[in-house]
N, C-alpha and C. Protein backbone atom coordinates (compact mmCIF):
# COMPACT_ATOMS: atom_id res chain seq x y z
N MET A 1 70.67 78.15 169.85
CA MET A 1 71.42 79.53 169.81
C MET A 1 70.40 80.80 169.69
N GLY A 2 69.15 80.36 168.90
CA GLY A 2 68.52 81.49 168.67
C GLY A 2 67.89 82.36 170.30
N SER A 3 67.87 81.31 170.99
CA SER A 3 67.14 82.08 172.21
C SER A 3 68.44 82.69 173.22
N LEU A 4 69.81 82.05 172.92
CA LEU A 4 70.68 83.06 173.25
C LEU A 4 71.45 84.66 172.88
N ALA A 5 70.98 84.59 171.38
CA ALA A 5 70.96 85.56 171.07
C ALA A 5 69.83 86.76 171.44
N LYS A 6 68.49 85.98 171.40
CA LYS A 6 67.60 86.74 171.77
C LYS A 6 67.92 87.43 173.32
N ARG A 7 68.32 86.57 174.02
CA ARG A 7 68.49 86.90 175.64
C ARG A 7 69.59 88.03 175.71
N GLY A 8 70.40 87.91 174.93
CA GLY A 8 71.71 89.02 174.59
C GLY A 8 71.24 90.20 174.48
N LEU A 9 70.17 90.08 173.04
CA LEU A 9 69.23 91.55 173.06
C LEU A 9 68.73 92.05 173.90
N ASN A 10 68.09 91.10 174.68
CA ASN A 10 66.97 91.73 175.87
C ASN A 10 68.00 92.11 176.64
N ASN A 11 68.91 91.76 177.22
CA ASN A 11 69.88 92.22 178.06
C ASN A 11 70.50 93.34 177.98
N TYR A 12 70.43 93.46 176.63
CA TYR A 12 71.46 94.64 175.99
C TYR A 12 70.60 96.19 176.02
N VAL A 13 69.37 95.32 175.83
CA VAL A 13 68.26 96.71 175.65
C VAL A 13 67.78 97.10 176.91
N LYS A 14 67.99 96.07 178.08
CA LYS A 14 67.50 96.35 179.39
C LYS A 14 68.79 97.26 179.59
N GLN A 15 70.01 96.82 179.56
CA GLN A 15 71.25 98.09 179.72
C GLN A 15 70.93 99.26 179.13
N LEU A 16 70.62 99.53 178.27
CA LEU A 16 70.24 100.50 177.80
C LEU A 16 69.35 101.31 178.52
N GLN A 17 68.31 100.90 178.43
CA GLN A 17 66.89 101.43 179.20
C GLN A 17 68.00 101.83 180.92
N GLU A 18 68.51 100.94 181.64
CA GLU A 18 68.83 101.55 183.39
C GLU A 18 70.06 101.95 182.86
N ASN A 19 71.01 101.85 182.13
CA ASN A 19 72.18 102.49 182.39
C ASN A 19 72.93 103.01 180.54
N PRO A 20 71.96 103.70 180.21
CA PRO A 20 72.25 104.32 178.67
C PRO A 20 73.54 104.93 179.02
N LEU A 21 73.92 105.46 179.58
CA LEU A 21 75.35 106.39 179.31
C LEU A 21 76.68 105.41 179.50
N ARG A 22 76.51 104.73 180.36
CA ARG A 22 77.55 103.26 180.27
C ARG A 22 77.44 102.76 179.27
N THR A 23 76.21 101.99 179.21
CA THR A 23 76.23 101.25 178.20
C THR A 23 76.49 101.88 176.48
N LYS A 24 76.03 102.97 176.22
CA LYS A 24 76.92 103.58 175.19
C LYS A 24 78.23 103.82 174.50
N VAL A 25 78.65 104.20 175.59
CA VAL A 25 80.14 104.17 176.19
C VAL A 25 80.82 102.91 175.76
N ILE A 26 80.56 101.80 176.31
CA ILE A 26 81.14 100.30 175.87
C ILE A 26 80.97 100.10 174.61
N THR A 27 79.47 100.37 173.87
CA THR A 27 79.18 100.38 172.57
C THR A 27 80.00 100.84 171.57
N ALA A 28 79.98 102.25 171.66
CA ALA A 28 81.25 103.00 171.05
C ALA A 28 82.34 102.36 171.30
N GLY A 29 82.86 102.02 172.26
CA GLY A 29 84.17 101.55 172.35
C GLY A 29 84.62 100.42 171.47
N VAL A 30 83.52 99.21 171.60
CA VAL A 30 83.62 97.99 171.64
C VAL A 30 83.62 98.51 169.46
N VAL A 31 82.48 99.18 169.03
CA VAL A 31 82.05 99.44 167.36
C VAL A 31 83.89 100.02 167.26
N SER A 32 84.37 100.96 167.79
CA SER A 32 85.52 101.48 167.11
C SER A 32 86.76 100.35 167.19
N ALA A 33 86.68 99.51 168.24
CA ALA A 33 87.60 98.44 168.49
C ALA A 33 87.59 97.60 166.77
N ILE A 34 86.13 97.57 166.38
CA ILE A 34 86.06 96.35 165.55
C ILE A 34 86.16 96.95 164.10
N SER A 35 85.80 98.31 164.15
CA SER A 35 85.92 99.02 163.01
C SER A 35 87.57 99.01 162.59
N ASP A 36 88.46 99.53 163.50
CA ASP A 36 89.63 99.88 163.38
C ASP A 36 90.27 98.30 163.22
N ILE A 37 90.12 97.32 163.78
CA ILE A 37 90.74 95.40 163.25
C ILE A 37 90.23 95.45 162.25
N VAL A 38 88.62 95.84 161.39
CA VAL A 38 88.87 95.64 160.35
C VAL A 38 89.90 96.45 159.24
N SER A 39 89.63 97.62 159.65
CA SER A 39 90.83 99.17 159.08
C SER A 39 92.03 98.42 158.82
N GLN A 40 92.13 97.76 159.95
CA GLN A 40 93.99 97.38 159.75
C GLN A 40 93.91 96.62 158.80
N LYS A 41 93.19 95.27 158.71
CA LYS A 41 93.34 94.49 158.06
C LYS A 41 93.13 94.54 156.22
N LEU A 42 92.09 95.44 156.13
CA LEU A 42 91.87 96.09 154.71
C LEU A 42 92.75 96.87 153.84
N SER A 43 93.63 97.36 155.53
CA SER A 43 94.70 98.69 154.77
C SER A 43 96.29 97.36 154.58
N GLY A 44 96.12 96.29 154.76
CA GLY A 44 97.15 95.47 154.52
C GLY A 44 98.31 95.60 155.62
N ILE A 45 97.81 95.96 156.95
CA ILE A 45 98.56 95.88 158.21
C ILE A 45 98.54 94.09 158.45
N GLN A 46 99.83 93.72 158.62
CA GLN A 46 99.74 91.86 158.84
C GLN A 46 99.30 91.94 160.12
N LYS A 47 100.12 92.69 161.33
CA LYS A 47 100.13 92.47 162.93
C LYS A 47 99.31 93.27 163.12
N LEU A 48 98.40 93.12 164.21
CA LEU A 48 97.94 94.18 164.71
C LEU A 48 98.18 95.23 165.53
N GLN A 49 98.06 96.23 165.27
CA GLN A 49 98.83 97.21 166.08
C GLN A 49 98.06 97.80 167.20
N LEU A 50 98.19 96.99 168.48
CA LEU A 50 97.56 97.31 169.54
C LEU A 50 97.45 98.47 170.39
N LYS A 51 98.21 99.19 169.99
CA LYS A 51 98.47 100.61 170.68
C LYS A 51 97.27 101.58 169.80
N ARG A 52 97.76 101.31 168.58
CA ARG A 52 96.38 102.03 167.81
C ARG A 52 94.95 101.54 167.83
N LEU A 53 94.98 100.17 168.19
CA LEU A 53 93.41 99.70 168.30
C LEU A 53 92.80 100.34 169.96
N LEU A 54 94.09 100.29 170.82
CA LEU A 54 93.36 101.13 172.23
C LEU A 54 92.79 102.50 172.10
N LEU A 55 94.04 103.31 171.05
CA LEU A 55 93.99 104.68 171.41
C LEU A 55 92.34 105.09 170.06
N LYS A 56 91.68 104.08 169.51
CA LYS A 56 90.54 104.14 168.82
C LYS A 56 89.46 103.80 169.58
N VAL A 57 89.74 102.93 170.72
CA VAL A 57 88.66 102.30 171.58
C VAL A 57 88.81 103.62 172.55
N LEU A 58 89.73 104.10 172.53
CA LEU A 58 89.65 105.52 173.48
C LEU A 58 88.77 106.48 173.12
N PHE A 59 89.06 106.91 171.77
CA PHE A 59 88.31 107.75 171.01
C PHE A 59 86.58 107.45 171.03
N GLY A 60 86.28 106.35 170.95
CA GLY A 60 85.10 105.86 170.42
C GLY A 60 84.51 106.08 171.99
N ALA A 61 85.29 105.64 173.19
CA ALA A 61 84.46 105.28 173.99
C ALA A 61 84.52 106.55 174.98
N GLY A 62 85.45 107.18 175.28
CA GLY A 62 85.57 108.75 175.94
C GLY A 62 85.11 109.78 174.78
N TYR A 63 84.68 109.88 173.92
CA TYR A 63 84.16 110.86 173.50
C TYR A 63 82.87 110.28 172.25
N LEU A 64 82.94 109.49 171.66
CA LEU A 64 81.70 109.83 170.51
C LEU A 64 80.54 109.20 171.45
N GLY A 65 80.58 107.98 172.51
CA GLY A 65 79.97 107.47 173.40
C GLY A 65 79.13 108.57 174.05
N PRO A 66 80.09 108.98 174.74
CA PRO A 66 79.51 110.04 175.49
C PRO A 66 78.64 111.44 174.73
N PHE A 67 79.44 111.90 173.86
CA PHE A 67 78.81 112.90 172.92
C PHE A 67 77.49 112.98 172.45
N GLY A 68 77.68 111.50 171.80
CA GLY A 68 76.27 111.17 171.12
C GLY A 68 75.02 111.27 172.17
N HIS A 69 75.48 110.38 173.33
CA HIS A 69 74.27 110.33 174.14
C HIS A 69 73.79 112.01 174.58
N PHE A 70 74.75 112.60 174.94
CA PHE A 70 74.31 114.09 175.26
C PHE A 70 73.67 114.30 174.15
N PHE A 71 74.16 114.56 173.11
CA PHE A 71 73.67 115.47 172.09
C PHE A 71 72.33 114.87 171.60
N HIS A 72 72.04 113.41 171.46
CA HIS A 72 70.64 113.33 171.20
C HIS A 72 69.45 113.46 172.41
N LEU A 73 69.79 113.82 173.58
CA LEU A 73 69.10 113.79 174.78
C LEU A 73 68.98 115.15 174.72
N ILE A 74 69.87 116.42 173.82
CA ILE A 74 69.73 117.77 173.98
C ILE A 74 68.85 117.73 172.73
N LEU A 75 69.06 117.39 171.64
CA LEU A 75 68.11 116.97 170.38
C LEU A 75 66.92 117.21 170.97
N ASP A 76 66.46 115.79 171.80
CA ASP A 76 65.15 115.37 172.09
C ASP A 76 64.21 116.36 173.10
N LYS A 77 65.46 117.17 174.00
CA LYS A 77 64.56 118.03 174.62
C LYS A 77 64.36 119.44 173.89
N ILE A 78 65.20 119.66 173.12
CA ILE A 78 64.62 120.89 172.34
C ILE A 78 63.48 120.67 171.56
N PHE A 79 63.06 119.45 170.85
CA PHE A 79 61.95 119.19 170.22
C PHE A 79 61.14 118.36 170.80
N LYS A 80 61.18 118.24 171.93
CA LYS A 80 60.37 117.69 172.58
C LYS A 80 60.04 116.32 172.18
N GLY A 81 60.60 115.51 171.71
CA GLY A 81 60.76 114.00 170.94
C GLY A 81 59.82 113.75 169.85
N LYS A 82 59.93 114.90 169.36
CA LYS A 82 58.77 114.92 168.02
C LYS A 82 59.19 114.50 166.91
N ARG A 83 58.15 113.57 165.81
CA ARG A 83 59.20 112.86 164.88
C ARG A 83 58.69 113.04 163.43
N ASP A 84 57.72 114.14 163.38
CA ASP A 84 57.10 114.84 162.27
C ASP A 84 58.00 114.80 161.25
N THR A 85 57.82 115.31 159.92
CA THR A 85 58.62 115.46 159.11
C THR A 85 59.51 116.60 159.21
N LYS A 86 58.67 117.95 159.50
CA LYS A 86 59.53 119.22 159.90
C LYS A 86 60.69 119.21 160.92
N THR A 87 60.08 118.42 162.03
CA THR A 87 61.37 118.32 163.01
C THR A 87 62.07 117.33 162.83
N VAL A 88 61.88 116.15 162.27
CA VAL A 88 63.20 115.43 161.65
C VAL A 88 64.02 115.98 160.80
N ALA A 89 63.39 116.87 160.02
CA ALA A 89 64.72 117.78 159.03
C ALA A 89 65.15 118.85 159.75
N LYS A 90 64.91 119.33 160.62
CA LYS A 90 65.70 120.21 161.57
C LYS A 90 66.26 119.68 162.42
N LYS A 91 66.06 118.87 163.01
CA LYS A 91 67.25 117.76 163.75
C LYS A 91 68.45 117.19 163.07
N VAL A 92 68.26 116.90 161.60
CA VAL A 92 69.17 116.42 160.93
C VAL A 92 69.75 117.83 160.57
N LEU A 93 69.32 118.87 160.04
CA LEU A 93 69.91 119.84 159.62
C LEU A 93 70.81 120.59 161.07
N ILE A 94 70.72 120.61 162.18
CA ILE A 94 71.05 120.68 163.29
C ILE A 94 72.56 119.85 163.50
N GLU A 95 72.29 118.55 163.55
CA GLU A 95 73.26 117.73 163.42
C GLU A 95 74.15 117.60 162.23
N GLN A 96 73.95 118.27 161.03
CA GLN A 96 74.72 118.32 160.19
C GLN A 96 75.45 119.28 160.09
N CYS A 97 75.06 120.16 160.72
CA CYS A 97 75.79 121.97 160.36
C CYS A 97 76.90 122.05 162.42
N THR A 98 76.25 120.90 162.97
CA THR A 98 77.01 121.10 164.35
C THR A 98 77.74 119.64 164.61
N SER A 99 77.34 118.41 164.65
CA SER A 99 78.12 117.58 165.38
C SER A 99 78.63 116.51 164.16
N SER A 100 78.14 116.61 163.00
CA SER A 100 79.18 116.18 161.87
C SER A 100 80.41 116.65 161.89
N PRO A 101 80.15 117.97 161.41
CA PRO A 101 81.82 118.72 161.14
C PRO A 101 82.98 118.80 162.58
N LEU A 102 82.16 118.69 163.53
CA LEU A 102 82.63 118.74 164.89
C LEU A 102 83.83 117.22 164.91
N ASN A 103 82.88 116.14 164.57
CA ASN A 103 83.36 114.97 164.86
C ASN A 103 84.36 114.57 163.90
N ASN A 104 84.22 114.74 162.51
CA ASN A 104 85.04 114.61 161.55
C ASN A 104 86.54 115.22 161.96
N LEU A 105 86.00 116.51 162.02
CA LEU A 105 87.30 117.59 162.55
C LEU A 105 88.08 116.90 163.70
N LEU A 106 87.05 116.26 164.84
CA LEU A 106 88.18 115.91 166.29
C LEU A 106 88.86 114.71 165.62
N PHE A 107 88.09 114.05 164.93
CA PHE A 107 88.81 112.33 164.49
C PHE A 107 89.93 112.85 164.06
N MET A 108 90.12 113.62 162.85
CA MET A 108 91.40 113.71 162.01
C MET A 108 92.46 114.27 163.05
N ILE A 109 92.34 115.34 163.55
CA ILE A 109 93.10 115.98 164.78
C ILE A 109 93.82 114.70 165.81
N TYR A 110 92.69 113.98 166.37
CA TYR A 110 93.11 113.12 167.14
C TYR A 110 93.61 111.81 166.26
N TYR A 111 93.64 111.49 165.32
CA TYR A 111 93.82 110.55 164.87
C TYR A 111 95.66 110.60 164.23
N GLY A 112 95.65 112.24 163.80
CA GLY A 112 97.04 112.46 163.12
C GLY A 112 97.59 112.82 164.59
N LEU A 113 97.26 113.61 165.67
CA LEU A 113 98.13 113.67 166.97
C LEU A 113 98.50 112.15 167.91
N VAL A 114 97.44 112.14 167.99
CA VAL A 114 97.52 110.78 169.10
C VAL A 114 97.66 109.47 168.22
N VAL A 115 96.64 108.81 167.61
CA VAL A 115 97.29 107.51 166.95
C VAL A 115 98.27 107.56 166.21
N GLU A 116 98.59 108.60 165.34
CA GLU A 116 100.12 108.75 164.08
C GLU A 116 100.89 108.98 164.69
N GLY A 117 101.13 109.58 165.73
CA GLY A 117 101.93 110.88 166.56
C GLY A 117 102.35 111.87 165.47
N GLN A 118 101.82 112.67 164.81
CA GLN A 118 102.49 113.89 163.95
C GLN A 118 102.67 114.52 164.55
N PRO A 119 103.74 115.64 164.61
CA PRO A 119 103.90 117.10 164.99
C PRO A 119 102.68 117.63 164.37
N TRP A 120 102.07 118.85 165.35
CA TRP A 120 100.87 119.32 164.93
C TRP A 120 101.05 120.35 163.42
N VAL A 121 102.27 120.80 162.99
CA VAL A 121 102.26 121.51 161.70
C VAL A 121 101.59 120.44 160.86
N ASN A 122 101.76 119.05 160.99
CA ASN A 122 101.29 118.21 159.72
C ASN A 122 100.12 118.00 159.94
N VAL A 123 99.66 117.86 161.09
CA VAL A 123 98.61 117.72 161.52
C VAL A 123 97.25 118.86 160.81
N LYS A 124 98.00 119.71 161.15
CA LYS A 124 97.13 121.13 160.63
C LYS A 124 97.25 121.48 158.92
N ALA A 125 98.03 120.88 158.44
CA ALA A 125 98.30 121.09 156.99
C ALA A 125 97.17 119.58 156.41
N LYS A 126 97.46 118.66 157.37
CA LYS A 126 96.79 117.29 156.67
C LYS A 126 95.22 118.18 156.53
N VAL A 127 94.80 118.35 157.57
CA VAL A 127 93.30 118.44 158.11
C VAL A 127 92.74 119.88 157.37
N ARG A 128 93.77 120.87 156.74
CA ARG A 128 93.32 121.69 155.87
C ARG A 128 93.18 121.41 154.59
N LYS A 129 93.69 120.48 154.41
CA LYS A 129 93.91 120.00 152.89
C LYS A 129 92.71 118.88 152.70
N ASP A 130 92.31 118.28 153.69
CA ASP A 130 91.76 116.75 153.36
C ASP A 130 90.34 117.35 154.17
N TYR A 131 90.40 118.02 154.85
CA TYR A 131 88.93 117.95 155.65
C TYR A 131 87.44 118.33 154.98
N PRO A 132 88.12 119.29 154.13
CA PRO A 132 86.77 119.76 153.23
C PRO A 132 86.27 118.58 152.35
N SER A 133 87.13 117.61 152.05
CA SER A 133 86.54 116.54 150.83
C SER A 133 85.89 115.44 152.02
N VAL A 134 86.63 115.42 153.31
CA VAL A 134 85.94 114.25 154.02
C VAL A 134 84.41 115.03 154.45
N GLN A 135 84.63 116.03 154.83
CA GLN A 135 83.01 116.73 155.31
C GLN A 135 81.96 116.59 154.36
N TYR A 136 82.52 117.23 153.08
CA TYR A 136 81.60 117.11 151.87
C TYR A 136 81.06 115.34 151.73
N THR A 137 81.89 114.97 151.74
CA THR A 137 81.67 113.25 151.75
C THR A 137 80.78 112.71 152.85
N ALA A 138 81.06 113.24 154.00
CA ALA A 138 79.82 113.06 155.13
C ALA A 138 78.61 113.51 154.55
N TRP A 139 78.73 114.82 154.04
CA TRP A 139 77.28 115.28 154.06
C TRP A 139 76.03 114.86 152.84
N THR A 140 77.07 113.81 152.04
CA THR A 140 76.63 112.84 151.12
C THR A 140 76.07 111.61 151.66
N ILE A 141 76.42 111.37 152.74
CA ILE A 141 75.96 110.16 153.79
C ILE A 141 74.98 110.29 154.88
N SER A 142 75.82 110.95 155.58
CA SER A 142 75.09 111.05 156.94
C SER A 142 73.67 111.88 157.32
N PRO A 143 73.10 112.71 156.34
CA PRO A 143 71.94 112.68 156.41
C PRO A 143 70.89 111.96 156.18
N ILE A 144 70.80 110.82 155.69
CA ILE A 144 69.95 109.69 155.63
C ILE A 144 70.50 109.12 156.72
N VAL A 145 71.26 108.83 157.29
CA VAL A 145 71.68 107.89 158.43
C VAL A 145 71.01 109.08 159.72
N GLY A 146 71.01 109.83 159.68
CA GLY A 146 70.27 111.17 160.79
C GLY A 146 68.63 110.78 160.29
N TRP A 147 68.25 111.33 159.17
CA TRP A 147 66.82 110.96 158.93
C TRP A 147 66.43 109.62 159.41
N ILE A 148 66.80 108.62 159.09
CA ILE A 148 66.56 107.06 159.74
C ILE A 148 66.43 107.30 161.01
N ASN A 149 67.58 107.63 161.92
CA ASN A 149 67.79 107.51 163.11
C ASN A 149 66.67 108.51 163.63
N HIS A 150 66.54 109.95 163.48
CA HIS A 150 65.29 111.09 163.93
C HIS A 150 63.72 110.23 163.90
N LYS A 151 63.94 109.71 162.92
CA LYS A 151 62.93 109.64 162.54
C LYS A 151 61.86 108.01 162.80
N PHE A 152 62.48 106.95 162.70
CA PHE A 152 62.26 105.98 163.13
C PHE A 152 62.97 105.17 164.69
N LEU A 153 63.89 105.81 165.13
CA LEU A 153 64.35 104.87 166.22
C LEU A 153 64.10 105.59 167.52
N PRO A 154 63.59 105.08 169.07
CA PRO A 154 63.49 105.07 169.70
C PRO A 154 64.73 106.12 170.24
N LEU A 155 64.98 107.20 171.38
CA LEU A 155 65.65 107.79 171.75
C LEU A 155 67.21 107.05 172.10
N HIS A 156 66.81 105.78 172.90
CA HIS A 156 67.92 104.65 173.44
C HIS A 156 68.56 104.22 172.41
N PHE A 157 68.45 103.97 171.30
CA PHE A 157 68.52 103.07 169.91
C PHE A 157 69.63 104.16 169.18
N ARG A 158 69.59 105.89 169.39
CA ARG A 158 70.08 106.40 168.92
C ARG A 158 71.24 106.49 168.21
N VAL A 159 72.25 106.32 169.50
CA VAL A 159 73.46 106.47 169.35
C VAL A 159 73.98 104.88 169.14
N VAL A 160 73.30 103.91 169.29
CA VAL A 160 74.06 102.70 168.54
C VAL A 160 73.68 102.46 167.44
N PHE A 161 72.40 103.48 166.80
CA PHE A 161 72.39 103.22 165.33
C PHE A 161 73.30 103.80 164.58
N HIS A 162 73.90 105.17 165.13
CA HIS A 162 74.76 106.04 164.76
C HIS A 162 76.37 105.49 164.81
N SER A 163 76.29 104.44 166.05
CA SER A 163 77.60 103.70 166.10
C SER A 163 77.58 103.03 164.87
N VAL A 164 76.82 102.32 164.93
CA VAL A 164 77.08 100.95 163.85
C VAL A 164 77.26 101.52 162.38
N ALA A 165 76.71 102.80 162.30
CA ALA A 165 76.98 103.74 161.38
C ALA A 165 78.52 104.34 161.17
N ALA A 166 78.75 104.38 162.09
CA ALA A 166 80.17 105.14 162.20
C ALA A 166 81.20 104.10 162.20
N PHE A 167 80.93 102.72 162.15
CA PHE A 167 81.74 101.79 161.68
C PHE A 167 82.17 101.80 160.83
N PHE A 168 81.24 101.73 159.52
CA PHE A 168 81.31 102.09 158.18
C PHE A 168 82.31 103.48 157.89
N TRP A 169 81.91 104.59 158.57
CA TRP A 169 82.53 106.00 158.01
C TRP A 169 84.18 105.82 158.85
N SER A 170 84.01 105.37 159.94
CA SER A 170 85.68 104.80 160.23
C SER A 170 86.25 104.17 159.49
N ILE A 171 86.21 103.47 158.99
CA ILE A 171 86.68 102.17 157.85
C ILE A 171 87.11 103.29 156.95
N PHE A 172 86.02 103.94 156.27
CA PHE A 172 86.79 104.68 155.15
C PHE A 172 87.61 106.19 155.47
N LEU A 173 87.19 106.56 157.08
CA LEU A 173 88.34 107.36 157.04
C LEU A 173 89.84 106.73 157.37
N ASN A 174 89.95 105.52 158.05
CA ASN A 174 90.90 104.96 158.13
C ASN A 174 91.71 104.82 156.87
N LEU A 175 90.72 104.06 155.85
CA LEU A 175 91.64 103.70 154.70
C LEU A 175 91.97 104.90 154.20
N ARG A 176 91.02 106.20 154.21
CA ARG A 176 91.44 107.27 153.48
C ARG A 176 92.99 107.36 154.02
N ALA A 177 92.79 107.91 155.27
CA ALA A 177 94.41 108.05 156.00
C ALA A 177 95.38 107.63 155.86
N ARG A 178 95.19 106.25 155.96
CA ARG A 178 96.06 105.32 155.37
C ARG A 178 96.62 105.46 153.89
N SER A 179 95.74 105.42 152.98
CA SER A 179 96.29 105.41 151.51
C SER A 179 96.82 106.98 151.22
N LEU A 180 96.43 107.94 151.87
CA LEU A 180 97.32 109.30 151.76
C LEU A 180 98.37 109.25 152.69
N ALA A 181 98.43 108.61 153.47
CA ALA A 181 100.14 108.54 154.33
C ALA A 181 101.23 107.20 153.26
N LEU A 182 100.47 106.48 152.69
CA LEU A 182 100.98 105.76 151.55
C LEU A 182 101.82 106.40 150.93
N THR A 183 100.64 107.42 150.36
CA THR A 183 101.36 107.96 148.79
C THR A 183 102.21 109.08 148.90
N LYS A 184 102.41 109.31 149.92
CA LYS A 184 103.40 110.43 150.65
C LYS A 184 104.55 109.23 151.04
N ALA A 185 104.75 108.05 151.33
CA ALA A 185 106.04 107.46 151.47
C ALA A 185 106.79 107.46 150.20
């Protein structure tokens, strides 16, 4: 079994190096799927909601994977791949001021409009009410993820690492969205 897992990991790393965008898109989609399945089960949904699952996969594969791929490429070009403490701090600061707020905002809008099928007026009100606390919570956690990512991981693993961190963050966001919906019902 160990050699099978090792071969699988080696194959995955090879794909990351040879087909980075495609591999990150697929990875983000798969991680989004697993995250949503866990979220659905933790929130008490008895029968798996396939439409919701597919819409979450679409968000992961269609937005998070490609966005992360190009965002990290741009950061590495700007800072020429440096990993000294000052450069890593700048990368994390840029990430926390741009990609973190944008990704959370887009997720909340997408979740409300597309996944839940809510009208824009409801989504806008929910974002206005909940976004500040969601982003504040993100800023307490994601700088640590960003620091580890930019300091210790090679470029081709950064989106993968971020996808794994996003797995847990997405569960938090899903459970939060679910608990808010339940309190209104």
